[in-house]
Amino acid sequence: MSIFEPLTSGSAAMSADHEHDVLLIAGSRPEVARLAPVASAIAAADRIRGITVATGSDPMAVHETFEALGVATDITILLPGDVGPAVADVAAALLTRLDQLMVDQDPSAVLVHGGGLAAAVAASVAFWRRIPVVHMQAGMGTDDLLCPFPQEAHRRVIGQLASLFLTTSGSALGSPLGPNVLTIGDTVNSLPGPCDRNCRDALERAHDQHRRLVLVDLERPSSLPVLGGLADLLERYPKIEILVTGSLATEEPALSLARHPRVTVVPLLELPDELAVLAAATVVVSDDHELVVDAPGLGTLAVLVDGPNVPQPGDSIRSIAAHDAAAAVAQVMDGDHGRRPASSDGFEAARAEQAVAWMFGLCRSPQLDPVARSEQAEESAAEESSGA
């Protein structure tokens, strides 16, 4: 198999005449959840050539996530088959692959998110090649270099290499990033809402009534005790909403729980809906290791049921027995660690595109004019409606 999958018929192939291009490099599903809306905003504005790149330790999972969110994966970087699982092994393979990619593509800029391994390697390679780096979710995430580990350290390293810093709020906790710091919000909020009606209703109730959302995703029969503890949580915490999914959602006690007004049971969540719910949840309880690993990248605390997890410094994943799951969720609620979703206007991704266009000198201001963009959105919707 080749190192790179060829460009698809997506945005990159269709917009080859643009003067400036940017590589949007993702190494995990949470990164795709933030970068896919930006790729869509770049395509809609049609003044930059956006090239989506799927990479990381599991590039095909990243590739599939881009596709599931309706964004073509332009390039997929495949790692050698003999790469070991250690961080150093993956980083070494990514280093040479990403360097070759940047030589071949010669982009105007590289856009990365957060502090994942792929983001850190991509930023380093781009800096060595004197390619500007745009860093989303820039600055310090926490006061502890080891929390989360190693993402917080990576985030700070990228902050020393980047040319443009896009933060979710404020000035990135006071981190000295320089003058090119723009607040755009969290672009995960620019993802489309869930397609499943019940899932969408649950998220709307949680938002409108200021409830904290608990996502319970269970597959194994041994995880049944988790469902048995949910009734007590509902009684103890009147301001929580619970969404149950997975194979165990089709049998008792999930079927009985479904009659509760604050419980929604959706046996199968498609990937876009799963990411939307995971991003909105305060805590996820699951026996799916992949889902639990994704949770911290979306700001969600995670409880792994009866699963192997080697604790790392600052690790937010708790690995516990099934009968202890309710107690673990209660600790989150009692400690008030539950995330309160930031307000969103849906223009986070558009603000990211505006900032990059400004960096290239394609517009006068780095700040998006929401009125103008709203008018553009209405015109596009009207054109689509008339065309249909």
Foldseek 3Di string as FASTA:
>chain_A
DDQKDAFDCFQQVVQVPAPAEEEEEDAALLFLLQVLLLCVLCSVVNRYRYAYEAEHPDRVVSQVSSVLLVGHHGMYGDFDPPQDPDLVSRLVRLLVSLLVVCVVVVGQEYEGEFQDSNLLSNLVSCLVVVHAYEYEQAAAPDPDCVAPPPRRVSRVNSLVRHDAYEHQDDQRVPGCSDDRYHYQHRSSLLRDAFPDPLLNVLLVCCQVLVAAEEEEEEEDPQLVLLVVLVVVVCVVDVRYAYEYEEPCCVDPPNVVVCVDPRYHYDHDGDPSNLVNRLLRHQEYEYCDPSSQVCNVSSVHQYEHECDDDDDGRNDRYHYDHSNCNSVVVVVCVVVVSGDRDDDDPSCSSNLVSLLVCVVVVNDDDSGDDVVVVVVVVVVVVVVVVVVD
